[in-house]
Amino acid sequence: MPYRSGQKPGRGTYVCTGCGECRDLNYDTDPLPSCDRCNNNLFTRY
């Protein structure tokens, strides 16, 4: 299931579907940001 930037999917590592860049969220309240590398907004959970 893809996650969009702005959602709060919970703690974990998320992988950009555009370039593969990983993003770690440390808190359940953290919103998922857009990818820093390619500005994509779709991620999958690692």
Protein backbone atom coordinates (compact mmCIF):
# COMPACT_ATOMS: atom_id res chain seq x y z
CA MET A 1 0.00 0.00 0.00
CA PRO A 2 1.55 3.35 -0.96
CA TYR A 3 1.68 6.20 1.52
CA ARG A 4 1.51 9.87 0.50
CA SER A 5 3.48 12.74 1.92
CA GLY A 6 1.50 14.52 4.62
CA GLN A 7 0.08 11.28 6.02
CA LYS A 8 1.09 10.05 9.49
CA PRO A 9 1.68 6.33 8.84
CA GLY A 10 3.59 5.69 12.07
CA ARG A 11 7.14 4.83 13.03
CA GLY A 12 9.30 3.03 10.52
CA THR A 13 11.32 3.31 7.35
CA TYR A 14 9.65 4.40 4.13
CA VAL A 15 11.07 4.09 0.61
CA CYS A 16 10.37 6.59 -2.16
CA THR A 17 8.68 4.92 -5.14
CA GLY A 18 10.41 7.34 -7.50
CA CYS A 19 14.10 7.02 -6.60
CA GLY A 20 14.41 4.56 -3.69
CA GLU A 21 15.53 7.13 -1.11
CA CYS A 22 14.75 5.96 2.46
CA ARG A 23 13.07 8.12 5.08
CA ASP A 24 12.83 7.19 8.77
CA LEU A 25 9.96 8.36 10.94
CA ASN A 26 10.67 8.18 14.67
CA TYR A 27 7.26 9.11 16.10
CA ASP A 28 3.69 8.09 15.30
CA THR A 29 2.81 11.78 14.98
CA ASP A 30 5.48 12.58 12.34
CA PRO A 31 4.03 13.42 8.91
CA LEU A 32 5.71 11.80 5.93
CA PRO A 33 7.53 14.54 3.96
CA SER A 34 8.10 14.66 0.22
CA CYS A 35 11.28 13.01 -1.00
CA ASP A 36 14.33 15.28 -0.62
CA ARG A 37 16.02 13.78 -3.67
CA CYS A 38 13.27 13.72 -6.34
CA ASN A 39 10.32 15.57 -4.71
CA ASN A 40 8.06 12.50 -5.16
CA ASN A 41 5.21 12.10 -2.69
CA LEU A 42 4.58 8.32 -2.74
CA PHE A 43 6.33 5.87 -0.43
CA THR A 44 6.14 2.21 0.56
CA ARG A 45 6.98 0.79 3.98
CA TYR A 46 10.39 -0.92 4.14
